[in-house]
Amino acid sequence: MNYIIDPHLHFFALSQGHYQWLKAESAPLWPDKFKLRQNFSEDALILNQGVELAGFVHIEAGYDNEQPWREIAWLESHCKLPFKAVAGIDLTLEEAVFIEHIKQLLQYQSVVGCRHILDDQAGELLAQECVQRNLAYLAEKQLSFELQMPLNHKPALDQLINILNDLPTLRLIINHAGWPPLETTTTDWQQWQASLSAMSQFEQCAIKCSGWEMTQRDYKTKWQQTVIKQCLVAFGHKRVMLAGNFPLILLTQDYAELWDQYLQLDSNLNLTSKQLTALTRTNAAYWYKLDG
């Protein structure tokens, strides 16, 4: 039996949460977004025979951006499997309000980190003093930060490196492999590789490989494997995690199919059994405190 921990997935409760991003008129303006406009819970995490979900990490999904603890309360009231939660947070909040939000979140035992999607605004946001101060407070409270931004944007990366130098105790986890480019022979790809190398110098940083379908619905398996290999070259086998990004992965393929692909990487990337187990379970348990 292959026991896995999925360190990046989302559940939706449409009648209870807001989910502004799922509305047709809201970004991202994907023509197939309507397929996601339904309730998703643990019951939908179907895997093939021989694979069992031992736990997961729920990443905020826009349930209530103003009161992010409402999503955590909902999760803790209905999830049965072992799990941890990454809550939504607004890094631009005034200090007193930010601290109050964190205090509210810390009342829930599942919360281990926070996320503010930076993406194309990363450079502008990371330069703000309030953002830097609030990241320092996350570090003080031993909460990790989920980094979602394109790593090949050098000005933003330089800002981030300065912050990490100032905050050596801030645990930072890169989402979706830092948005690797599709073309592997371009200067953008080279910049992404260089950024991986720069980020890997910080021992408090790990990286999750997922979100393939968000880059391109019909992405090639060869590209996916090349990305994973480059992440392993930079970060080693103890700081890379494979993740599902459920339910968005359903825009491309079945959840079970993706995990079957991952579990074949031992032969495709010449990994040992122990290394594959690290990528699919033990690293997630360590980085998200699911191992105790």
C-alpha atoms as a PDB file:
ATOM      1  CA  MET A   1       0.000   0.000   0.000  1.00  0.00           C
ATOM      2  CA  ASN A   2       1.236   3.500  -0.892  1.00  0.00           C
ATOM      3  CA  TYR A   3       0.249   5.971   1.829  1.00  0.00           C
ATOM      4  CA  ILE A   4       0.343   9.597   0.681  1.00  0.00           C
ATOM      5  CA  ILE A   5      -0.157  13.030   2.207  1.00  0.00           C
ATOM      6  CA  ASP A   6      -1.423  15.685  -0.192  1.00  0.00           C
ATOM      7  CA  PRO A   7       0.056  19.035   0.910  1.00  0.00           C
ATOM      8  CA  HIS A   8      -2.051  21.253  -1.355  1.00  0.00           C
ATOM      9  CA  LEU A   9      -5.771  20.876  -1.912  1.00  0.00           C
ATOM     10  CA  HIS A  10      -8.998  22.843  -1.513  1.00  0.00           C
ATOM     11  CA  PHE A  11     -12.566  22.072  -0.436  1.00  0.00           C
ATOM     12  CA  PHE A  12     -15.593  24.219  -1.294  1.00  0.00           C
ATOM     13  CA  ALA A  13     -18.850  24.770   0.591  1.00  0.00           C
ATOM     14  CA  LEU A  14     -20.634  27.089  -1.806  1.00  0.00           C
ATOM     15  CA  SER A  15     -23.713  27.731   0.323  1.00  0.00           C
ATOM     16  CA  GLN A  16     -21.608  28.763   3.321  1.00  0.00           C
ATOM     17  CA  GLY A  17     -18.578  30.572   1.859  1.00  0.00           C
ATOM     18  CA  HIS A  18     -18.095  33.508  -0.495  1.00  0.00           C
ATOM     19  CA  TYR A  19     -15.691  32.139  -3.152  1.00  0.00           C
ATOM     20  CA  GLN A  20     -15.645  35.359  -5.175  1.00  0.00           C
ATOM     21  CA  TRP A  21     -13.002  33.951  -7.527  1.00  0.00           C
ATOM     22  CA  LEU A  22     -15.363  31.180  -8.632  1.00  0.00           C
ATOM     23  CA  LYS A  23     -17.944  33.635  -9.970  1.00  0.00           C
ATOM     24  CA  ALA A  24     -18.100  33.863 -13.769  1.00  0.00           C
ATOM     25  CA  GLU A  25     -17.293  37.590 -13.823  1.00  0.00           C
ATOM     26  CA  SER A  26     -14.273  37.295 -11.504  1.00  0.00           C
ATOM     27  CA  ALA A  27     -10.663  36.525 -12.363  1.00  0.00           C
ATOM     28  CA  PRO A  28      -9.361  34.101 -13.429  1.00  0.00           C
ATOM     29  CA  LEU A  29     -11.583  34.258 -16.511  1.00  0.00           C
ATOM     30  CA  TRP A  30     -11.241  30.607 -17.483  1.00  0.00           C
ATOM     31  CA  PRO A  31     -13.916  29.312 -19.903  1.00  0.00           C
ATOM     32  CA  ASP A  32     -14.006  25.992 -18.009  1.00  0.00           C
ATOM     33  CA  LYS A  33     -14.223  27.479 -14.511  1.00  0.00           C
ATOM     34  CA  PHE A  34     -17.878  26.492 -14.259  1.00  0.00           C
ATOM     35  CA  LYS A  35     -16.710  22.900 -13.731  1.00  0.00           C
ATOM     36  CA  LEU A  36     -15.341  23.925 -10.330  1.00  0.00           C
ATOM     37  CA  ARG A  37     -18.543  25.606  -9.184  1.00  0.00           C
ATOM     38  CA  GLN A  38     -19.713  22.796  -6.902  1.00  0.00           C
ATOM     39  CA  ASN A  39     -19.143  21.510  -3.396  1.00  0.00           C
ATOM     40  CA  PHE A  40     -15.989  19.478  -2.798  1.00  0.00           C
ATOM     41  CA  SER A  41     -15.058  17.594   0.363  1.00  0.00           C
ATOM     42  CA  GLU A  42     -12.985  14.627   1.523  1.00  0.00           C
ATOM     43  CA  ASP A  43     -15.405  12.226  -0.144  1.00  0.00           C
ATOM     44  CA  ALA A  44     -14.288  13.410  -3.583  1.00  0.00           C
ATOM     45  CA  LEU A  45     -10.631  12.447  -3.001  1.00  0.00           C
ATOM     46  CA  ILE A  46     -10.828   9.145  -4.846  1.00  0.00           C
ATOM     47  CA  LEU A  47      -7.609   7.204  -5.393  1.00  0.00           C
ATOM     48  CA  ASN A  48      -6.944   3.941  -7.187  1.00  0.00           C
ATOM     49  CA  GLN A  49      -6.408   0.603  -5.481  1.00  0.00           C
ATOM     50  CA  GLY A  50      -3.088   0.397  -3.661  1.00  0.00           C
ATOM     51  CA  VAL A  51      -3.001   4.133  -2.835  1.00  0.00           C
ATOM     52  CA  GLU A  52      -4.423   5.577   0.368  1.00  0.00           C
ATOM     53  CA  LEU A  53      -4.637   9.164   1.588  1.00  0.00           C
ATOM     54  CA  ALA A  54      -3.094   9.328   5.073  1.00  0.00           C
ATOM     55  CA  GLY A  55      -3.665  13.058   5.510  1.00  0.00           C
ATOM     56  CA  PHE A  56      -3.747  16.383   3.704  1.00  0.00           C
ATOM     57  CA  VAL A  57      -3.096  20.095   3.941  1.00  0.00           C
ATOM     58  CA  HIS A  58      -6.018  22.358   3.097  1.00  0.00           C
ATOM     59  CA  ILE A  59      -5.010  25.645   1.483  1.00  0.00           C
ATOM     60  CA  GLU A  60      -7.409  28.560   1.822  1.00  0.00           C
ATOM     61  CA  ALA A  61      -9.925  28.719  -1.007  1.00  0.00           C
ATOM     62  CA  GLY A  62     -11.602  32.109  -0.591  1.00  0.00           C
ATOM     63  CA  TYR A  63     -14.308  30.944   1.832  1.00  0.00           C
ATOM     64  CA  ASP A  64     -14.261  34.294   3.634  1.00  0.00           C
ATOM     65  CA  ASN A  65     -11.319  36.616   3.003  1.00  0.00           C
ATOM     66  CA  GLU A  66     -12.509  39.091   5.648  1.00  0.00           C
ATOM     67  CA  GLN A  67     -12.869  36.482   8.405  1.00  0.00           C
ATOM     68  CA  PRO A  68     -10.532  33.634   7.382  1.00  0.00           C
ATOM     69  CA  TRP A  69     -11.090  31.716  10.632  1.00  0.00           C
ATOM     70  CA  ARG A  70     -14.612  30.868   9.418  1.00  0.00           C
ATOM     71  CA  GLU A  71     -13.125  28.522   6.825  1.00  0.00           C
ATOM     72  CA  ILE A  72     -10.997  26.833   9.487  1.00  0.00           C
ATOM     73  CA  ALA A  73     -13.999  26.352  11.763  1.00  0.00           C
ATOM     74  CA  TRP A  74     -15.901  24.736   8.889  1.00  0.00           C
ATOM     75  CA  LEU A  75     -12.975  22.422   8.097  1.00  0.00           C
ATOM     76  CA  GLU A  76     -12.487  21.335  11.697  1.00  0.00           C
ATOM     77  CA  SER A  77     -16.195  20.599  12.032  1.00  0.00           C
ATOM     78  CA  HIS A  78     -16.377  18.160   9.121  1.00  0.00           C
ATOM     79  CA  CYS A  79     -12.944  16.774   8.124  1.00  0.00           C
ATOM     80  CA  LYS A  80     -12.275  13.219   9.335  1.00  0.00           C
ATOM     81  CA  LEU A  81      -8.772  12.478   8.045  1.00  0.00           C
ATOM     82  CA  PRO A  82      -5.682  13.941   9.739  1.00  0.00           C
ATOM     83  CA  PHE A  83      -5.142  17.403   8.276  1.00  0.00           C
ATOM     84  CA  LYS A  84      -3.548  20.789   8.730  1.00  0.00           C
ATOM     85  CA  ALA A  85      -4.773  24.105   7.388  1.00  0.00           C
ATOM     86  CA  VAL A  86      -3.193  27.104   5.709  1.00  0.00           C
ATOM     87  CA  ALA A  87      -5.460  30.076   6.317  1.00  0.00           C
ATOM     88  CA  GLY A  88      -5.998  33.122   4.176  1.00  0.00           C
ATOM     89  CA  ILE A  89      -4.474  36.352   5.451  1.00  0.00           C
ATOM     90  CA  ASP A  90      -4.104  39.896   4.117  1.00  0.00           C
ATOM     91  CA  LEU A  91      -0.468  40.911   4.541  1.00  0.00           C
ATOM     92  CA  THR A  92      -1.350  44.564   3.943  1.00  0.00           C
ATOM     93  CA  LEU A  93      -3.530  44.831   7.057  1.00  0.00           C
ATOM     94  CA  GLU A  94      -2.666  47.439   9.669  1.00  0.00           C
ATOM     95  CA  GLU A  95      -0.548  45.878  12.401  1.00  0.00           C
ATOM     96  CA  ALA A  96      -3.154  45.693  15.175  1.00  0.00           C
ATOM     97  CA  VAL A  97      -5.774  44.194  12.858  1.00  0.00           C
ATOM     98  CA  PHE A  98      -3.279  41.673  11.470  1.00  0.00           C
ATOM     99  CA  ILE A  99      -2.301  40.553  14.958  1.00  0.00           C
ATOM    100  CA  GLU A 100      -5.960  40.150  15.900  1.00  0.00           C
ATOM    101  CA  HIS A 101      -6.579  37.990  12.811  1.00  0.00           C
ATOM    102  CA  ILE A 102      -3.623  35.770  13.674  1.00  0.00           C
ATOM    103  CA  LYS A 103      -4.801  35.429  17.261  1.00  0.00           C
ATOM    104  CA  GLN A 104      -8.209  34.322  15.988  1.00  0.00           C
ATOM    105  CA  LEU A 105      -6.607  31.770  13.663  1.00  0.00           C
ATOM    106  CA  LEU A 106      -4.344  30.380  16.376  1.00  0.00           C
ATOM    107  CA  GLN A 107      -7.399  29.319  18.364  1.00  0.00           C
ATOM    108  CA  TYR A 108      -7.728  26.449  15.864  1.00  0.00           C
ATOM    109  CA  GLN A 109      -5.392  23.479  16.291  1.00  0.00           C
ATOM    110  CA  SER A 110      -5.198  22.725  12.553  1.00  0.00           C
ATOM    111  CA  VAL A 111      -3.684  26.086  11.504  1.00  0.00           C
ATOM    112  CA  VAL A 112       0.020  25.850  10.666  1.00  0.00           C
ATOM    113  CA  GLY A 113       0.440  28.630   8.106  1.00  0.00           C
ATOM    114  CA  CYS A 114      -1.038  31.483   6.110  1.00  0.00           C
ATOM    115  CA  ARG A 115      -1.316  32.487   2.481  1.00  0.00           C
ATOM    116  CA  HIS A 116      -1.651  35.783   0.643  1.00  0.00           C
ATOM    117  CA  ILE A 117      -1.512  35.165  -3.120  1.00  0.00           C
ATOM    118  CA  LEU A 118       1.170  37.524  -4.414  1.00  0.00           C
ATOM    119  CA  ASP A 119       1.510  36.483  -8.078  1.00  0.00           C
ATOM    120  CA  ASP A 120       2.068  39.475 -10.377  1.00  0.00           C
ATOM    121  CA  GLN A 121       1.849  41.940  -7.463  1.00  0.00           C
ATOM    122  CA  ALA A 122       4.708  40.251  -5.603  1.00  0.00           C
ATOM    123  CA  GLY A 123       7.314  42.980  -6.146  1.00  0.00           C
ATOM    124  CA  GLU A 124       4.980  45.774  -5.117  1.00  0.00           C
ATOM    125  CA  LEU A 125       3.652  43.945  -2.059  1.00  0.00           C
ATOM    126  CA  LEU A 126       6.958  42.624  -0.735  1.00  0.00           C
ATOM    127  CA  ALA A 127       8.407  46.144  -0.820  1.00  0.00           C
ATOM    128  CA  GLN A 128       5.777  47.412   1.634  1.00  0.00           C
ATOM    129  CA  GLU A 129       6.872  47.854   5.240  1.00  0.00           C
ATOM    130  CA  CYS A 130       3.560  46.562   6.579  1.00  0.00           C
ATOM    131  CA  VAL A 131       3.953  43.338   4.588  1.00  0.00           C
ATOM    132  CA  GLN A 132       7.485  42.831   5.885  1.00  0.00           C
ATOM    133  CA  ARG A 133       6.373  43.555   9.454  1.00  0.00           C
ATOM    134  CA  ASN A 134       3.461  41.119   9.184  1.00  0.00           C
ATOM    135  CA  LEU A 135       5.694  38.384   7.775  1.00  0.00           C
ATOM    136  CA  ALA A 136       7.945  38.900  10.790  1.00  0.00           C
ATOM    137  CA  TYR A 137       4.916  38.366  13.034  1.00  0.00           C
ATOM    138  CA  LEU A 138       4.137  35.094  11.249  1.00  0.00           C
ATOM    139  CA  ALA A 139       7.698  33.977  11.950  1.00  0.00           C
ATOM    140  CA  GLU A 140       7.347  34.999  15.604  1.00  0.00           C
ATOM    141  CA  LYS A 141       4.198  32.882  15.908  1.00  0.00           C
ATOM    142  CA  GLN A 142       5.857  29.942  14.117  1.00  0.00           C
ATOM    143  CA  LEU A 143       3.391  30.056  11.236  1.00  0.00           C
ATOM    144  CA  SER A 144       4.682  29.252   7.775  1.00  0.00           C
ATOM    145  CA  PHE A 145       4.002  31.413   4.741  1.00  0.00           C
ATOM    146  CA  GLU A 146       2.783  29.950   1.446  1.00  0.00           C
ATOM    147  CA  LEU A 147       4.537  31.766  -1.377  1.00  0.00           C
ATOM    148  CA  GLN A 148       2.591  31.960  -4.642  1.00  0.00           C
ATOM    149  CA  MET A 149       4.485  34.079  -7.165  1.00  0.00           C
ATOM    150  CA  PRO A 150       6.469  33.574 -10.385  1.00  0.00           C
ATOM    151  CA  LEU A 151      10.058  32.951  -9.351  1.00  0.00           C
ATOM    152  CA  ASN A 152      11.395  34.223 -12.662  1.00  0.00           C
ATOM    153  CA  HIS A 153      10.361  37.781 -11.743  1.00  0.00           C
ATOM    154  CA  LYS A 154      13.746  38.961 -10.517  1.00  0.00           C
ATOM    155  CA  PRO A 155      12.795  42.286  -8.813  1.00  0.00           C
ATOM    156  CA  ALA A 156      10.249  40.447  -6.638  1.00  0.00           C
ATOM    157  CA  LEU A 157      12.721  37.654  -5.971  1.00  0.00           C
ATOM    158  CA  ASP A 158      15.344  40.165  -4.812  1.00  0.00           C
ATOM    159  CA  GLN A 159      12.805  41.655  -2.385  1.00  0.00           C
ATOM    160  CA  LEU A 160      11.981  38.189  -1.099  1.00  0.00           C
ATOM    161  CA  ILE A 161      15.628  37.251  -0.571  1.00  0.00           C
ATOM    162  CA  ASN A 162      16.154  40.419   1.471  1.00  0.00           C
ATOM    163  CA  ILE A 163      13.177  39.466   3.643  1.00  0.00           C
ATOM    164  CA  LEU A 164      14.452  35.911   4.156  1.00  0.00           C
ATOM    165  CA  ASN A 165      17.864  37.237   5.148  1.00  0.00           C
ATOM    166  CA  ASP A 166      16.146  39.397   7.760  1.00  0.00           C
ATOM    167  CA  LEU A 167      13.794  36.622   8.935  1.00  0.00           C
ATOM    168  CA  PRO A 168      15.809  33.398   9.251  1.00  0.00           C
ATOM    169  CA  THR A 169      13.040  31.731  11.286  1.00  0.00           C
ATOM    170  CA  LEU A 170      10.281  32.347   8.712  1.00  0.00           C
ATOM    171  CA  ARG A 171       9.302  28.962   7.263  1.00  0.00           C
ATOM    172  CA  LEU A 172       8.400  29.570   3.627  1.00  0.00           C
ATOM    173  CA  ILE A 173       6.855  27.062   1.225  1.00  0.00           C
ATOM    174  CA  ILE A 174       6.834  27.828  -2.491  1.00  0.00           C
ATOM    175  CA  ASN A 175       3.549  26.940  -4.182  1.00  0.00           C
ATOM    176  CA  HIS A 176       3.154  25.403  -7.638  1.00  0.00           C
ATOM    177  CA  ALA A 177       6.921  25.167  -8.188  1.00  0.00           C
ATOM    178  CA  GLY A 178       7.114  28.956  -8.528  1.00  0.00           C
ATOM    179  CA  TRP A 179       5.241  28.955 -11.868  1.00  0.00           C
ATOM    180  CA  PRO A 180       7.871  27.367 -14.142  1.00  0.00           C
ATOM    181  CA  PRO A 181       7.657  28.438 -17.813  1.00  0.00           C
ATOM    182  CA  LEU A 182       6.363  25.924 -20.343  1.00  0.00           C
ATOM    183  CA  GLU A 183       9.314  26.379 -22.683  1.00  0.00           C
ATOM    184  CA  THR A 184      12.500  24.909 -21.225  1.00  0.00           C
ATOM    185  CA  THR A 185      14.903  26.536 -23.703  1.00  0.00           C
ATOM    186  CA  THR A 186      14.127  30.185 -22.953  1.00  0.00           C
ATOM    187  CA  THR A 187      15.744  32.860 -20.805  1.00  0.00           C
ATOM    188  CA  ASP A 188      12.599  32.746 -18.618  1.00  0.00           C
ATOM    189  CA  TRP A 189      13.353  29.093 -17.863  1.00  0.00           C
ATOM    190  CA  GLN A 190      16.963  29.933 -17.080  1.00  0.00           C
ATOM    191  CA  GLN A 191      15.823  32.688 -14.720  1.00  0.00           C
ATOM    192  CA  TRP A 192      13.415  30.281 -13.024  1.00  0.00           C
ATOM    193  CA  GLN A 193      16.261  27.771 -12.547  1.00  0.00           C
ATOM    194  CA  ALA A 194      18.522  30.481 -11.149  1.00  0.00           C
ATOM    195  CA  SER A 195      15.753  31.537  -8.770  1.00  0.00           C
ATOM    196  CA  LEU A 196      15.298  27.955  -7.566  1.00  0.00           C
ATOM    197  CA  SER A 197      18.991  27.840  -6.782  1.00  0.00           C
ATOM    198  CA  ALA A 198      18.850  31.176  -4.942  1.00  0.00           C
ATOM    199  CA  MET A 199      15.828  30.160  -2.858  1.00  0.00           C
ATOM    200  CA  SER A 200      17.278  26.758  -2.018  1.00  0.00           C
ATOM    201  CA  GLN A 201      20.123  28.433  -0.120  1.00  0.00           C
ATOM    202  CA  PHE A 202      17.626  29.203   2.635  1.00  0.00           C
ATOM    203  CA  GLU A 203      17.137  26.095   4.751  1.00  0.00           C
ATOM    204  CA  GLN A 204      13.749  27.355   5.938  1.00  0.00           C
ATOM    205  CA  CYS A 205      12.366  27.102   2.383  1.00  0.00           C
ATOM    206  CA  ALA A 206      10.663  24.125   0.749  1.00  0.00           C
ATOM    207  CA  ILE A 207       8.825  23.773  -2.559  1.00  0.00           C
ATOM    208  CA  LYS A 208       5.614  22.067  -3.683  1.00  0.00           C
ATOM    209  CA  CYS A 209       5.209  20.749  -7.230  1.00  0.00           C
ATOM    210  CA  SER A 210       1.603  21.098  -8.372  1.00  0.00           C
ATOM    211  CA  GLY A 211      -0.688  23.415 -10.312  1.00  0.00           C
ATOM    212  CA  TRP A 212       0.314  21.943 -13.666  1.00  0.00           C
ATOM    213  CA  GLU A 213      -3.195  22.420 -15.044  1.00  0.00           C
ATOM    214  CA  MET A 214      -3.111  26.127 -14.197  1.00  0.00           C
ATOM    215  CA  THR A 215      -0.138  26.684 -16.495  1.00  0.00           C
ATOM    216  CA  GLN A 216      -1.659  24.677 -19.344  1.00  0.00           C
ATOM    217  CA  ARG A 217      -4.616  22.316 -19.354  1.00  0.00           C
ATOM    218  CA  ASP A 218      -2.951  19.819 -21.699  1.00  0.00           C
ATOM    219  CA  TYR A 219       0.516  20.058 -20.184  1.00  0.00           C
ATOM    220  CA  LYS A 220       3.029  17.411 -21.198  1.00  0.00           C
ATOM    221  CA  THR A 221       4.193  14.784 -18.718  1.00  0.00           C
ATOM    222  CA  LYS A 222       7.762  15.303 -19.914  1.00  0.00           C
ATOM    223  CA  TRP A 223       7.589  18.997 -18.913  1.00  0.00           C
ATOM    224  CA  GLN A 224       6.105  18.063 -15.531  1.00  0.00           C
ATOM    225  CA  GLN A 225       8.907  15.592 -14.882  1.00  0.00           C
ATOM    226  CA  THR A 226      11.542  18.118 -15.980  1.00  0.00           C
ATOM    227  CA  VAL A 227      10.154  20.646 -13.487  1.00  0.00           C
ATOM    228  CA  ILE A 228      10.167  18.106 -10.647  1.00  0.00           C
ATOM    229  CA  LYS A 229      13.711  17.074 -11.530  1.00  0.00           C
ATOM    230  CA  GLN A 230      14.934  20.694 -11.464  1.00  0.00           C
ATOM    231  CA  CYS A 231      13.273  21.237  -8.078  1.00  0.00           C
ATOM    232  CA  LEU A 232      15.051  18.140  -6.769  1.00  0.00           C
ATOM    233  CA  VAL A 233      18.393  19.342  -8.149  1.00  0.00           C
ATOM    234  CA  ALA A 234      17.969  22.662  -6.322  1.00  0.00           C
ATOM    235  CA  PHE A 235      16.253  21.634  -3.079  1.00  0.00           C
ATOM    236  CA  GLY A 236      17.206  17.992  -2.619  1.00  0.00           C
ATOM    237  CA  HIS A 237      14.871  15.161  -1.626  1.00  0.00           C
ATOM    238  CA  LYS A 238      13.880  16.516   1.797  1.00  0.00           C
ATOM    239  CA  ARG A 239      12.451  19.872   0.705  1.00  0.00           C
ATOM    240  CA  VAL A 240      10.331  18.927  -2.318  1.00  0.00           C
ATOM    241  CA  MET A 241       6.679  17.849  -2.057  1.00  0.00           C
ATOM    242  CA  LEU A 242       4.306  16.534  -4.719  1.00  0.00           C
ATOM    243  CA  ALA A 243       0.749  17.849  -4.451  1.00  0.00           C
ATOM    244  CA  GLY A 244      -2.619  17.485  -6.146  1.00  0.00           C
ATOM    245  CA  ASN A 245      -4.149  20.983  -6.223  1.00  0.00           C
ATOM    246  CA  PHE A 246      -7.568  19.349  -6.024  1.00  0.00           C
ATOM    247  CA  PRO A 247     -10.122  20.182  -7.371  1.00  0.00           C
ATOM    248  CA  LEU A 248      -8.383  22.301 -10.009  1.00  0.00           C
ATOM    249  CA  ILE A 249      -6.506  19.254 -11.275  1.00  0.00           C
ATOM    250  CA  LEU A 250      -9.905  17.948 -12.438  1.00  0.00           C
ATOM    251  CA  LEU A 251      -9.790  20.506 -15.255  1.00  0.00           C
ATOM    252  CA  THR A 252      -7.103  18.279 -16.771  1.00  0.00           C
ATOM    253  CA  GLN A 253      -7.319  14.769 -15.315  1.00  0.00           C
ATOM    254  CA  ASP A 254      -8.619  12.600 -12.499  1.00  0.00           C
ATOM    255  CA  TYR A 255      -7.111  13.042  -9.052  1.00  0.00           C
ATOM    256  CA  ALA A 256      -6.228   9.334  -8.947  1.00  0.00           C
ATOM    257  CA  GLU A 257      -4.490   9.531 -12.325  1.00  0.00           C
ATOM    258  CA  LEU A 258      -2.208  12.330 -11.155  1.00  0.00           C
ATOM    259  CA  TRP A 259      -1.133  10.405  -8.051  1.00  0.00           C
ATOM    260  CA  ASP A 260      -0.528   7.276 -10.111  1.00  0.00           C
ATOM    261  CA  GLN A 261       1.812   9.397 -12.276  1.00  0.00           C
ATOM    262  CA  TYR A 262       3.622  10.670  -9.208  1.00  0.00           C
ATOM    263  CA  LEU A 263       4.054   7.170  -7.815  1.00  0.00           C
ATOM    264  CA  GLN A 264       5.791   6.086 -11.018  1.00  0.00           C
ATOM    265  CA  LEU A 265       8.482   8.747 -10.654  1.00  0.00           C
ATOM    266  CA  ASP A 266      10.834   6.303  -8.963  1.00  0.00           C
ATOM    267  CA  SER A 267      11.467   4.732 -12.357  1.00  0.00           C
ATOM    268  CA  ASN A 268      10.957   7.856 -14.477  1.00  0.00           C
ATOM    269  CA  LEU A 269      13.370   9.995 -12.432  1.00  0.00           C
ATOM    270  CA  ASN A 270      15.520   7.211 -11.011  1.00  0.00           C
ATOM    271  CA  LEU A 271      14.407   7.765  -7.423  1.00  0.00           C
ATOM    272  CA  THR A 272      14.840   5.295  -4.605  1.00  0.00           C
ATOM    273  CA  SER A 273      11.765   4.030  -2.785  1.00  0.00           C
ATOM    274  CA  LYS A 274      12.722   6.140   0.250  1.00  0.00           C
ATOM    275  CA  GLN A 275      13.085   9.279  -1.884  1.00  0.00           C
ATOM    276  CA  LEU A 276       9.690   8.755  -3.517  1.00  0.00           C
ATOM    277  CA  THR A 277       8.114   8.258  -0.091  1.00  0.00           C
ATOM    278  CA  ALA A 278       9.686  11.547   0.999  1.00  0.00           C
ATOM    279  CA  LEU A 279       8.158  13.385  -1.969  1.00  0.00           C
ATOM    280  CA  THR A 280       4.707  11.870  -1.508  1.00  0.00           C
ATOM    281  CA  ARG A 281       4.386  11.669   2.276  1.00  0.00           C
ATOM    282  CA  THR A 282       7.160  12.267   4.788  1.00  0.00           C
ATOM    283  CA  ASN A 283       8.246  15.721   3.612  1.00  0.00           C
ATOM    284  CA  ALA A 284       4.665  16.979   3.815  1.00  0.00           C
ATOM    285  CA  ALA A 285       4.319  15.468   7.294  1.00  0.00           C
ATOM    286  CA  TYR A 286       7.449  17.303   8.430  1.00  0.00           C
ATOM    287  CA  TRP A 287       6.894  20.712   6.807  1.00  0.00           C
ATOM    288  CA  TYR A 288       3.230  20.901   7.872  1.00  0.00           C
ATOM    289  CA  LYS A 289       3.626  19.315  11.303  1.00  0.00           C
ATOM    290  CA  LEU A 290       1.493  16.291  10.514  1.00  0.00           C
ATOM    291  CA  ASP A 291       3.995  13.855  11.995  1.00  0.00           C
ATOM    292  CA  GLY A 292       3.130  14.262  15.625  1.00  0.00           C
END
